[in-house]
Amino acid sequence: MADEENAEPGNYQQLISVSPAPINLFDESGEIIWGNDAVLDLLGLDSREDLIGRSIFDFIVAEDQYTAEQELVDVVKSKTATGPTPMQLRRADGEIRSIRVSTAPGRFRGRDIGQAVVIDVTELERAHEELETERQFVQNALNALPDVFYVITPGGELDRWNDSLLDVSGYDAEEVRAMDIEDFFVESHTERISESIATAFAEGADTVEATVVTKQGREIPFEFRKRRLVDGEDVIGLAGIGRDISERKAREQHLRAVDYLLQHNLRNQINIIQGSVELVSDASSAQGQSAAERIDAAAERLLSIFDNHHLIIDQLTTPQPTESIDVVAALEAIARECGESYPAATITTDLPERAGVSGVHTLKLALRELVENAIEHNERREPQIEIDVEHTDPRVVIRVSDDGPPIPEMEYRSFSEDSLLDSTYHSAGFGLWFVYHAVRQSGGSLHFDRGEKRGNVVTIDLS
């Protein structure tokens, strides 16, 4: 600030008066000898008369009085500039404000003074506290996750993580900071991890399964999902979740083991039964032949249940990529082939030229299962089946209607209410379960309704 001895007092006062920053002049005792309008606003005073002649210590809170005294000595007596120094002041109305004070020595009307420029940082500190509270909330929420959360920099380095990463890996934060990402995995999986990270940066997202090796040497199968982080048009990293899939892997392994057991033992035993039935029916009486036919039908039913079970196991344990499917072309082929296989049935269609959806490859098998079910479970000699499709891009609605007996609720209610399943309330087979999973994996929904007069309407809603 200019030395007032070398400038007109009026000019000097005008300079500090118009400054938007609070500027205060005080003597060696701390008595205020001048202050601009911004000081009055900061302190909540009505006029300069309420300010001049008062001590700076009247406005500084007790906890900061000693600091203010030391700075007063430095700036007036020792001619040493200080600050910016954090302090708190109390306004005339009692409100506490947080400030930063920078002081410098000066001369005013022939005497040594101190000059203070004050910055009110109250709102800034409040905003900072709110941001810190929000940051801590987010961090607490992330730490509450049982899954591992992580952020990867564009350079492929681990930048942030939650407590679950430390809990799972057994490493502390300092050790994690010094590690490469590949160090957390078995050596045979490091390449797939690097490729997955590169894919996520290039394409926006990726999912990979890999085996984590803990500090203690334990190996744990994990699934890692990650998405690209952007700030405007700039890619700033990847954010992802890692989930322990040990239990899922164990369930899949058990399902496959049961499937192989049934495939080997059940199918072989049923084939023996069917072969024996053929021998018995050739030489039996009419009554015996009838019994043999029932045994053969039961064996065929068991084989059908097993075949659908095998398809469901494959659905649930093998990745099911989606593909583009024209459901109109698929339904036209199904209607034609079922018409040939079931000549007594009348199959009518109401289809647009084309209706494309994104679905798993088993969706076409599921559509066939619905049409065949409608025919096979119909007690009429000449079943009537109607297939129609509504296409309102991107939504496709498929309906298969029949005039057969109502589908029992227990065949489909357990799809959405698994608590209903028990030893007495369950489906008679796996056909509709197979349809349900194919539709679900294709991003659609499955609905069952009664026909207006008779029969059923099964609706698949895909969008």
Protein backbone atom coordinates (compact mmCIF):
# COMPACT_ATOMS: atom_id res chain seq x y z
CA MET A 1 0.00 0.00 0.00
CA ALA A 2 1.30 3.47 -0.80
CA ASP A 3 3.02 5.48 1.92
CA GLU A 4 0.55 8.21 2.90
CA GLU A 5 3.40 10.66 3.60
CA ASN A 6 4.12 10.73 -0.14
CA ALA A 7 0.48 11.10 -1.20
CA GLU A 8 -2.40 13.38 -0.45
CA PRO A 9 -4.42 12.04 2.54
CA GLY A 10 -7.64 12.41 0.59
CA ASN A 11 -6.28 10.39 -2.32
CA TYR A 12 -5.01 7.69 0.04
CA GLN A 13 -8.35 7.45 1.84
CA GLN A 14 -10.17 7.36 -1.48
CA LEU A 15 -8.00 4.43 -2.60
CA ILE A 16 -8.77 2.24 0.40
CA SER A 17 -12.37 3.44 0.57
CA VAL A 18 -13.30 2.08 -2.84
CA SER A 19 -11.45 -1.21 -2.44
CA PRO A 20 -13.82 -4.24 -2.39
CA ALA A 21 -11.51 -5.92 0.11
CA PRO A 22 -11.80 -4.89 3.77
CA ILE A 23 -8.77 -2.66 4.57
CA ASN A 24 -8.10 -1.52 8.10
CA LEU A 25 -5.48 0.91 9.51
CA PHE A 26 -4.42 0.70 13.16
CA ASP A 27 -1.71 2.09 15.48
CA GLU A 28 0.81 0.33 17.69
CA SER A 29 -1.81 -0.22 20.42
CA GLY A 30 -4.27 -1.79 18.02
CA GLU A 31 -6.57 1.21 17.96
CA ILE A 32 -8.35 1.52 14.62
CA ILE A 33 -7.59 4.81 12.87
CA TRP A 34 -9.25 4.10 9.55
CA GLY A 35 -11.31 1.48 7.73
CA ASN A 36 -13.07 1.34 4.42
CA ASP A 37 -16.73 0.54 3.73
CA ALA A 38 -15.91 -3.13 3.20
CA VAL A 39 -14.66 -3.29 6.81
CA LEU A 40 -17.96 -1.83 8.03
CA ASP A 41 -19.86 -4.49 6.07
CA LEU A 42 -17.64 -7.26 7.41
CA LEU A 43 -18.06 -6.16 11.04
CA GLY A 44 -21.74 -5.29 10.69
CA LEU A 45 -21.29 -1.63 11.66
CA ASP A 46 -23.56 1.19 10.53
CA SER A 47 -20.98 3.96 10.24
CA ARG A 48 -17.28 4.71 10.36
CA GLU A 49 -17.88 6.52 13.69
CA ASP A 50 -18.71 3.07 15.16
CA LEU A 51 -15.30 1.82 14.00
CA ILE A 52 -12.64 4.53 14.45
CA GLY A 53 -11.19 4.66 17.94
CA ARG A 54 -12.08 1.07 18.81
CA SER A 55 -9.47 -1.64 19.29
CA ILE A 56 -8.98 -4.43 16.76
CA PHE A 57 -9.13 -6.78 19.75
CA ASP A 58 -12.78 -5.84 20.30
CA PHE A 59 -13.60 -7.90 17.23
CA ILE A 60 -11.13 -10.79 17.44
CA VAL A 61 -12.33 -13.91 19.30
CA ALA A 62 -10.53 -14.81 22.53
CA GLU A 63 -8.81 -17.86 21.03
CA ASP A 64 -7.02 -15.68 18.44
CA GLN A 65 -6.14 -12.70 20.69
CA TYR A 66 -2.56 -13.86 21.31
CA THR A 67 -1.90 -14.38 17.60
CA ALA A 68 -3.22 -10.90 16.87
CA GLU A 69 -1.01 -9.38 19.57
CA GLN A 70 2.10 -11.03 18.12
CA GLU A 71 1.31 -9.79 14.65
CA LEU A 72 0.70 -6.28 15.96
CA VAL A 73 4.22 -6.23 17.41
CA ASP A 74 5.69 -7.61 14.17
CA VAL A 75 4.00 -5.16 11.85
CA VAL A 76 4.15 -1.86 13.82
CA LYS A 77 7.27 -2.16 15.96
CA SER A 78 9.39 -4.58 13.93
CA LYS A 79 8.19 -3.30 10.56
CA THR A 80 7.61 -6.89 9.37
CA ALA A 81 4.77 -7.96 7.08
CA THR A 82 2.78 -11.00 8.21
CA GLY A 83 0.09 -13.31 6.95
CA PRO A 84 -2.15 -14.34 5.53
CA THR A 85 -3.08 -15.61 8.97
CA PRO A 86 -6.29 -17.52 9.74
CA MET A 87 -8.41 -15.97 12.51
CA GLN A 88 -12.00 -15.58 13.58
CA LEU A 89 -13.77 -12.34 14.37
CA ARG A 90 -17.06 -11.55 16.03
CA ARG A 91 -19.36 -9.10 14.25
CA ALA A 92 -21.41 -6.49 16.05
CA ASP A 93 -24.42 -8.83 15.90
CA GLY A 94 -22.41 -11.65 17.48
CA GLU A 95 -21.96 -13.71 14.32
CA ILE A 96 -18.57 -15.44 14.03
CA ARG A 97 -16.78 -15.06 10.68
CA SER A 98 -13.63 -16.84 9.50
CA ILE A 99 -11.01 -14.57 7.94
CA ARG A 100 -7.50 -14.48 6.53
CA VAL A 101 -5.49 -11.37 7.54
CA SER A 102 -2.40 -10.01 5.78
CA THR A 103 -0.67 -7.11 7.53
CA ALA A 104 2.10 -4.72 6.46
CA PRO A 105 3.83 -1.71 8.10
CA GLY A 106 3.04 1.82 6.88
CA ARG A 107 3.01 5.52 7.72
CA PHE A 108 -0.08 7.65 8.19
CA ARG A 109 -0.01 11.35 9.09
CA GLY A 110 3.53 11.14 10.38
CA ARG A 111 3.30 8.01 12.53
CA ASP A 112 3.97 4.30 12.15
CA ILE A 113 0.86 2.20 11.62
CA GLY A 114 -0.22 -1.26 10.64
CA GLN A 115 -2.26 -1.96 7.52
CA ALA A 116 -4.46 -5.06 7.31
CA VAL A 117 -6.15 -6.54 4.27
CA VAL A 118 -8.86 -8.97 5.31
CA ILE A 119 -10.45 -11.75 3.29
CA ASP A 120 -13.70 -13.24 4.56
CA VAL A 121 -13.43 -17.02 3.96
CA THR A 122 -16.51 -18.03 5.97
CA GLU A 123 -18.56 -19.18 2.99
CA LEU A 124 -15.53 -20.84 1.44
CA GLU A 125 -14.89 -22.79 4.63
CA ARG A 126 -18.56 -23.76 4.87
CA ALA A 127 -18.47 -25.01 1.29
CA HIS A 128 -15.26 -26.88 2.08
CA GLU A 129 -16.85 -28.46 5.16
CA GLU A 130 -19.89 -29.48 3.14
CA LEU A 131 -17.67 -30.99 0.46
CA GLU A 132 -15.65 -32.80 3.10
CA THR A 133 -18.85 -34.10 4.71
CA GLU A 134 -20.07 -35.28 1.31
CA ARG A 135 -16.69 -36.84 0.52
CA GLN A 136 -16.70 -38.67 3.85
CA PHE A 137 -20.27 -39.85 3.26
CA VAL A 138 -19.31 -41.27 -0.15
CA GLN A 139 -16.21 -42.90 1.30
CA ASN A 140 -18.23 -44.44 4.15
CA ALA A 141 -20.79 -45.71 1.68
CA LEU A 142 -18.06 -47.27 -0.47
CA ASN A 143 -16.42 -48.80 2.59
CA ALA A 144 -19.76 -50.32 3.60
CA LEU A 145 -19.88 -52.27 0.32
CA PRO A 146 -18.99 -55.94 0.66
CA ASP A 147 -17.60 -55.75 -2.89
CA VAL A 148 -14.24 -54.26 -3.81
CA PHE A 149 -14.50 -50.75 -5.28
CA TYR A 150 -11.60 -49.31 -7.22
CA VAL A 151 -10.54 -46.49 -9.55
CA ILE A 152 -7.82 -46.94 -12.17
CA THR A 153 -5.91 -44.03 -13.73
CA PRO A 154 -5.48 -43.66 -17.50
CA GLY A 155 -1.94 -44.91 -16.91
CA GLY A 156 -3.27 -48.20 -15.56
CA GLU A 157 -2.45 -47.54 -11.92
CA LEU A 158 -4.69 -48.17 -8.92
CA ASP A 159 -5.74 -44.72 -7.70
CA ARG A 160 -8.52 -45.21 -5.14
CA TRP A 161 -10.14 -48.13 -3.37
CA ASN A 162 -12.43 -49.01 -0.47
CA ASP A 163 -11.70 -50.95 2.69
CA SER A 164 -12.93 -54.20 1.13
CA LEU A 165 -9.87 -54.29 -1.12
CA LEU A 166 -7.64 -54.20 1.95
CA ASP A 167 -9.78 -56.78 3.76
CA VAL A 168 -9.75 -59.19 0.82
CA SER A 169 -6.13 -58.80 -0.25
CA GLY A 170 -4.59 -58.68 3.23
CA TYR A 171 -2.36 -55.75 2.21
CA ASP A 172 -2.36 -52.38 3.95
CA ALA A 173 -2.81 -49.07 2.14
CA GLU A 174 0.92 -48.36 1.82
CA GLU A 175 1.56 -51.78 0.30
CA VAL A 176 -1.33 -51.36 -2.13
CA ARG A 177 0.02 -48.00 -3.28
CA ALA A 178 3.36 -49.61 -4.15
CA MET A 179 1.82 -52.52 -6.13
CA ASP A 180 0.98 -52.91 -9.80
CA ILE A 181 -2.58 -54.06 -10.52
CA GLU A 182 -1.31 -57.33 -11.98
CA ASP A 183 0.40 -58.14 -8.66
CA PHE A 184 -2.99 -59.00 -7.14
CA PHE A 185 -3.63 -61.93 -9.52
CA VAL A 186 -2.31 -65.39 -10.31
CA GLU A 187 0.33 -65.16 -13.00
CA SER A 188 -1.78 -66.98 -15.60
CA HIS A 189 -4.50 -64.30 -15.34
CA THR A 190 -2.40 -61.13 -15.47
CA GLU A 191 -2.65 -60.86 -19.26
CA ARG A 192 -6.45 -61.06 -19.24
CA ILE A 193 -6.56 -58.34 -16.58
CA SER A 194 -4.39 -56.03 -18.71
CA GLU A 195 -6.52 -56.76 -21.78
CA SER A 196 -9.73 -56.09 -19.84
CA ILE A 197 -8.45 -52.70 -18.66
CA ALA A 198 -7.45 -51.78 -22.22
CA THR A 199 -10.86 -52.88 -23.51
CA ALA A 200 -12.71 -50.80 -20.92
CA PHE A 201 -10.73 -47.69 -21.87
CA ALA A 202 -11.29 -48.33 -25.58
CA GLU A 203 -14.94 -49.43 -25.53
CA GLY A 204 -16.30 -47.88 -22.34
CA ALA A 205 -16.84 -51.01 -20.22
CA ASP A 206 -15.70 -54.57 -19.70
CA THR A 207 -16.18 -57.55 -17.40
CA VAL A 208 -13.59 -60.20 -16.63
CA GLU A 209 -13.21 -63.14 -14.28
CA ALA A 210 -9.82 -63.68 -12.68
CA THR A 211 -8.28 -65.31 -9.62
CA VAL A 212 -7.02 -63.00 -6.89
CA VAL A 213 -4.02 -64.03 -4.78
CA THR A 214 -4.06 -62.61 -1.26
CA LYS A 215 -0.99 -61.63 0.76
CA GLN A 216 -1.34 -64.96 2.58
CA GLY A 217 -1.36 -66.87 -0.72
CA ARG A 218 -5.06 -67.72 -0.79
CA GLU A 219 -6.62 -67.84 -4.27
CA ILE A 220 -10.13 -66.41 -4.69
CA PRO A 221 -12.16 -66.27 -7.94
CA PHE A 222 -13.45 -62.75 -8.63
CA GLU A 223 -15.56 -61.01 -11.24
CA PHE A 224 -14.48 -57.47 -12.10
CA ARG A 225 -16.81 -55.00 -13.82
CA LYS A 226 -15.52 -51.59 -14.83
CA ARG A 227 -16.69 -48.53 -16.74
CA ARG A 228 -14.88 -45.57 -18.22
CA LEU A 229 -14.81 -42.32 -16.18
CA VAL A 230 -15.03 -39.10 -18.17
CA ASP A 231 -14.87 -35.41 -17.36
CA GLY A 232 -16.49 -33.65 -20.29
CA GLU A 233 -14.67 -35.16 -23.26
CA ASP A 234 -11.61 -36.21 -21.25
CA VAL A 235 -11.17 -39.81 -20.08
CA ILE A 236 -9.93 -39.63 -16.49
CA GLY A 237 -9.92 -43.29 -15.51
CA LEU A 238 -11.99 -46.40 -14.83
CA ALA A 239 -14.31 -47.12 -11.91
CA GLY A 240 -15.27 -50.66 -11.07
CA ILE A 241 -16.53 -53.30 -8.69
CA GLY A 242 -14.88 -56.62 -7.85
CA ARG A 243 -17.07 -59.40 -6.48
CA ASP A 244 -16.07 -62.66 -4.83
CA ILE A 245 -17.74 -65.37 -6.93
CA SER A 246 -16.55 -68.37 -4.92
CA GLU A 247 -20.08 -69.39 -3.95
CA ARG A 248 -21.37 -68.86 -7.48
CA LYS A 249 -18.57 -71.00 -8.87
CA ALA A 250 -19.36 -73.69 -6.33
CA ARG A 251 -23.05 -73.67 -7.31
CA GLU A 252 -22.18 -73.84 -11.00
CA GLN A 253 -19.81 -76.71 -10.33
CA HIS A 254 -22.49 -78.56 -8.39
CA LEU A 255 -25.09 -77.97 -11.11
CA ARG A 256 -22.73 -79.33 -13.73
CA ALA A 257 -21.91 -82.34 -11.56
CA VAL A 258 -25.63 -83.09 -11.10
CA ASP A 259 -26.19 -82.61 -14.81
CA TYR A 260 -23.40 -85.04 -15.74
CA LEU A 261 -24.66 -87.55 -13.17
CA LEU A 262 -28.20 -87.42 -14.56
CA GLN A 263 -26.92 -87.52 -18.11
CA HIS A 264 -24.90 -90.65 -17.46
CA ASN A 265 -27.04 -92.58 -14.98
CA LEU A 266 -30.65 -91.47 -15.52
CA ARG A 267 -30.52 -91.52 -19.31
CA ASN A 268 -28.79 -94.91 -19.37
CA GLN A 269 -31.31 -96.43 -16.96
CA ILE A 270 -34.28 -95.03 -18.89
CA ASN A 271 -32.86 -96.41 -22.13
CA ILE A 272 -32.67 -99.84 -20.45
CA ILE A 273 -36.31 -99.48 -19.34
CA GLN A 274 -37.44 -98.56 -22.83
CA GLY A 275 -35.52 -101.44 -24.37
CA SER A 276 -37.06 -103.87 -21.91
CA VAL A 277 -40.55 -102.45 -22.56
CA GLU A 278 -40.18 -103.20 -26.26
CA LEU A 279 -39.33 -106.82 -25.51
CA VAL A 280 -42.22 -107.20 -23.05
CA SER A 281 -44.82 -105.54 -25.28
CA ASP A 282 -44.09 -107.93 -28.15
CA ALA A 283 -45.10 -110.99 -26.18
CA SER A 284 -47.63 -109.64 -23.69
CA SER A 285 -51.39 -109.63 -23.59
CA ALA A 286 -53.41 -106.57 -24.50
CA GLN A 287 -53.40 -105.54 -20.84
CA GLY A 288 -49.65 -106.02 -20.61
CA GLN A 289 -49.14 -104.05 -23.79
CA SER A 290 -51.18 -101.19 -22.32
CA ALA A 291 -49.00 -101.19 -19.19
CA ALA A 292 -45.89 -101.29 -21.35
CA GLU A 293 -47.12 -98.26 -23.28
CA ARG A 294 -47.64 -96.34 -20.04
CA ILE A 295 -44.15 -97.26 -18.88
CA ASP A 296 -42.74 -96.15 -22.22
CA ALA A 297 -44.66 -92.84 -22.03
CA ALA A 298 -43.39 -92.23 -18.50
CA ALA A 299 -39.83 -92.91 -19.63
CA GLU A 300 -40.26 -90.47 -22.52
CA ARG A 301 -41.58 -87.88 -20.07
CA LEU A 302 -38.56 -88.34 -17.82
CA LEU A 303 -36.23 -87.95 -20.78
CA SER A 304 -38.05 -84.78 -21.80
CA ILE A 305 -37.68 -83.37 -18.28
CA PHE A 306 -34.00 -84.25 -18.30
CA ASP A 307 -33.44 -82.64 -21.72
CA ASN A 308 -35.00 -79.38 -20.54
CA HIS A 309 -33.01 -79.58 -17.31
CA HIS A 310 -29.83 -79.96 -19.34
CA LEU A 311 -30.73 -76.90 -21.43
CA ILE A 312 -31.36 -74.82 -18.29
CA ILE A 313 -28.05 -75.90 -16.75
CA ASP A 314 -26.34 -74.75 -19.94
CA GLN A 315 -28.25 -71.45 -19.79
CA LEU A 316 -27.20 -70.73 -16.21
CA THR A 317 -23.57 -71.90 -16.27
CA THR A 318 -22.43 -70.79 -19.74
CA PRO A 319 -22.14 -67.14 -20.84
CA GLN A 320 -25.08 -66.33 -23.10
CA PRO A 321 -24.11 -63.63 -25.62
CA THR A 322 -26.93 -61.85 -27.39
CA GLU A 323 -27.43 -61.76 -31.15
CA SER A 324 -29.79 -60.12 -33.59
CA ILE A 325 -32.90 -62.28 -34.06
CA ASP A 326 -35.78 -61.78 -36.47
CA VAL A 327 -38.60 -63.28 -34.41
CA VAL A 328 -40.96 -63.19 -37.41
CA ALA A 329 -38.68 -65.47 -39.44
CA ALA A 330 -38.21 -67.72 -36.42
CA LEU A 331 -41.98 -67.98 -35.75
CA GLU A 332 -42.79 -68.63 -39.41
CA ALA A 333 -40.37 -71.58 -39.40
CA ILE A 334 -41.78 -72.85 -36.09
CA ALA A 335 -45.36 -72.62 -37.32
CA ARG A 336 -44.49 -74.47 -40.53
CA GLU A 337 -42.52 -77.24 -38.82
CA CYS A 338 -45.05 -77.73 -35.98
CA GLY A 339 -47.83 -77.89 -38.59
CA GLU A 340 -46.00 -80.77 -40.21
CA SER A 341 -45.27 -82.52 -36.90
CA TYR A 342 -48.79 -82.04 -35.54
CA PRO A 343 -51.12 -82.25 -38.57
CA ALA A 344 -54.27 -82.21 -36.42
CA ALA A 345 -53.41 -78.78 -35.04
CA THR A 346 -54.41 -75.54 -36.75
CA ILE A 347 -51.78 -72.83 -36.39
CA THR A 348 -52.65 -69.32 -37.52
CA THR A 349 -50.28 -66.36 -37.52
CA ASP A 350 -50.60 -62.58 -37.61
CA LEU A 351 -47.08 -61.32 -38.19
CA PRO A 352 -45.43 -58.15 -39.55
CA GLU A 353 -42.79 -58.42 -42.26
CA ARG A 354 -39.98 -58.33 -39.76
CA ALA A 355 -39.37 -57.76 -36.05
CA GLY A 356 -35.77 -57.69 -34.92
CA VAL A 357 -34.70 -58.09 -31.30
CA SER A 358 -31.45 -58.60 -29.44
CA GLY A 359 -31.66 -61.93 -27.64
CA VAL A 360 -29.78 -65.04 -26.61
CA HIS A 361 -29.65 -67.88 -29.11
CA THR A 362 -31.96 -70.02 -26.92
CA LEU A 363 -34.80 -67.53 -27.47
CA LYS A 364 -35.75 -69.29 -30.71
CA LEU A 365 -35.83 -72.64 -28.88
CA ALA A 366 -38.02 -71.04 -26.22
CA LEU A 367 -40.53 -69.85 -28.85
CA ARG A 368 -40.69 -73.38 -30.22
CA GLU A 369 -41.21 -74.74 -26.70
CA LEU A 370 -44.22 -72.45 -26.19
CA VAL A 371 -45.90 -73.50 -29.44
CA GLU A 372 -45.24 -77.22 -28.90
CA ASN A 373 -46.49 -76.98 -25.29
CA ALA A 374 -49.69 -75.33 -26.48
CA ILE A 375 -50.30 -78.26 -28.83
CA GLU A 376 -49.11 -81.19 -26.68
CA HIS A 377 -51.04 -80.14 -23.56
CA ASN A 378 -54.25 -79.45 -25.48
CA GLU A 379 -56.95 -82.09 -24.90
CA ARG A 380 -58.87 -81.25 -28.08
CA ARG A 381 -58.54 -83.43 -31.16
CA GLU A 382 -57.85 -80.37 -33.29
CA PRO A 383 -55.99 -77.79 -31.20
CA GLN A 384 -56.24 -74.17 -32.29
CA ILE A 385 -53.05 -72.13 -31.90
CA GLU A 386 -52.68 -68.43 -32.71
CA ILE A 387 -49.35 -66.62 -32.95
CA ASP A 388 -49.23 -62.85 -33.30
CA VAL A 389 -46.52 -60.22 -33.07
CA GLU A 390 -46.81 -56.48 -32.41
CA HIS A 391 -43.78 -54.45 -33.40
CA THR A 392 -43.48 -50.86 -32.19
CA ASP A 393 -39.77 -50.14 -32.46
CA PRO A 394 -37.91 -50.93 -30.28
CA ARG A 395 -40.60 -52.98 -28.51
CA VAL A 396 -41.69 -56.42 -29.76
CA VAL A 397 -44.61 -58.26 -28.15
CA ILE A 398 -45.18 -61.94 -29.00
CA ARG A 399 -48.39 -63.76 -28.05
CA VAL A 400 -49.05 -67.48 -28.28
CA SER A 401 -52.72 -68.30 -27.66
CA ASP A 402 -54.42 -71.70 -27.46
CA ASP A 403 -57.82 -73.23 -26.69
CA GLY A 404 -56.49 -75.85 -24.27
CA PRO A 405 -56.95 -76.27 -20.51
CA PRO A 406 -55.65 -73.48 -18.22
CA ILE A 407 -51.96 -73.60 -17.36
CA PRO A 408 -51.75 -74.28 -13.59
CA GLU A 409 -50.50 -71.23 -11.66
CA MET A 410 -47.82 -73.28 -9.95
CA GLU A 411 -46.18 -73.73 -13.36
CA TYR A 412 -45.23 -70.04 -13.53
CA ARG A 413 -45.87 -68.19 -10.26
CA SER A 414 -42.61 -69.42 -8.76
CA PHE A 415 -40.68 -67.54 -11.48
CA SER A 416 -41.19 -64.32 -9.54
CA GLU A 417 -42.03 -65.76 -6.12
CA ASP A 418 -39.40 -68.40 -5.36
CA SER A 419 -40.58 -68.61 -1.75
CA LEU A 420 -43.59 -70.53 -3.09
CA LEU A 421 -41.45 -73.46 -4.15
CA ASP A 422 -41.60 -76.51 -1.91
CA SER A 423 -42.08 -80.26 -2.17
CA THR A 424 -45.80 -79.91 -2.91
CA TYR A 425 -45.92 -76.66 -4.89
CA HIS A 426 -43.71 -76.84 -7.96
CA SER A 427 -43.90 -77.17 -11.72
CA ALA A 428 -44.41 -80.55 -13.35
CA GLY A 429 -41.47 -80.01 -15.71
CA PHE A 430 -38.77 -77.61 -16.81
CA GLY A 431 -40.18 -76.47 -20.15
CA LEU A 432 -41.59 -73.14 -18.98
CA TRP A 433 -38.55 -72.59 -16.78
CA PHE A 434 -36.41 -72.87 -19.89
CA VAL A 435 -38.64 -70.32 -21.65
CA TYR A 436 -38.50 -67.99 -18.65
CA HIS A 437 -34.69 -67.97 -18.51
CA ALA A 438 -34.31 -67.45 -22.27
CA VAL A 439 -36.70 -64.48 -22.19
CA ARG A 440 -35.07 -63.05 -19.05
CA GLN A 441 -31.57 -63.32 -20.53
CA SER A 442 -32.87 -61.54 -23.64
CA GLY A 443 -33.99 -58.58 -21.53
CA GLY A 444 -37.70 -59.40 -21.76
CA SER A 445 -40.58 -60.43 -19.55
CA LEU A 446 -42.98 -63.39 -19.62
CA HIS A 447 -46.69 -63.17 -18.76
CA PHE A 448 -49.51 -65.74 -18.49
CA ASP A 449 -53.20 -64.92 -18.92
CA ARG A 450 -56.46 -66.76 -19.52
CA GLY A 451 -58.09 -66.53 -22.96
CA GLU A 452 -61.36 -64.61 -23.33
CA LYS A 453 -63.43 -67.78 -23.71
CA ARG A 454 -61.01 -70.62 -23.13
CA GLY A 455 -57.35 -71.46 -23.17
CA ASN A 456 -54.26 -69.44 -22.42
CA VAL A 457 -52.38 -66.42 -23.73
CA VAL A 458 -48.64 -66.46 -23.14
CA THR A 459 -46.99 -63.09 -23.82
CA ILE A 460 -43.32 -62.31 -24.33
CA ASP A 461 -42.49 -58.61 -24.10
CA LEU A 462 -39.10 -57.69 -25.57
CA SER A 463 -37.68 -54.19 -25.87
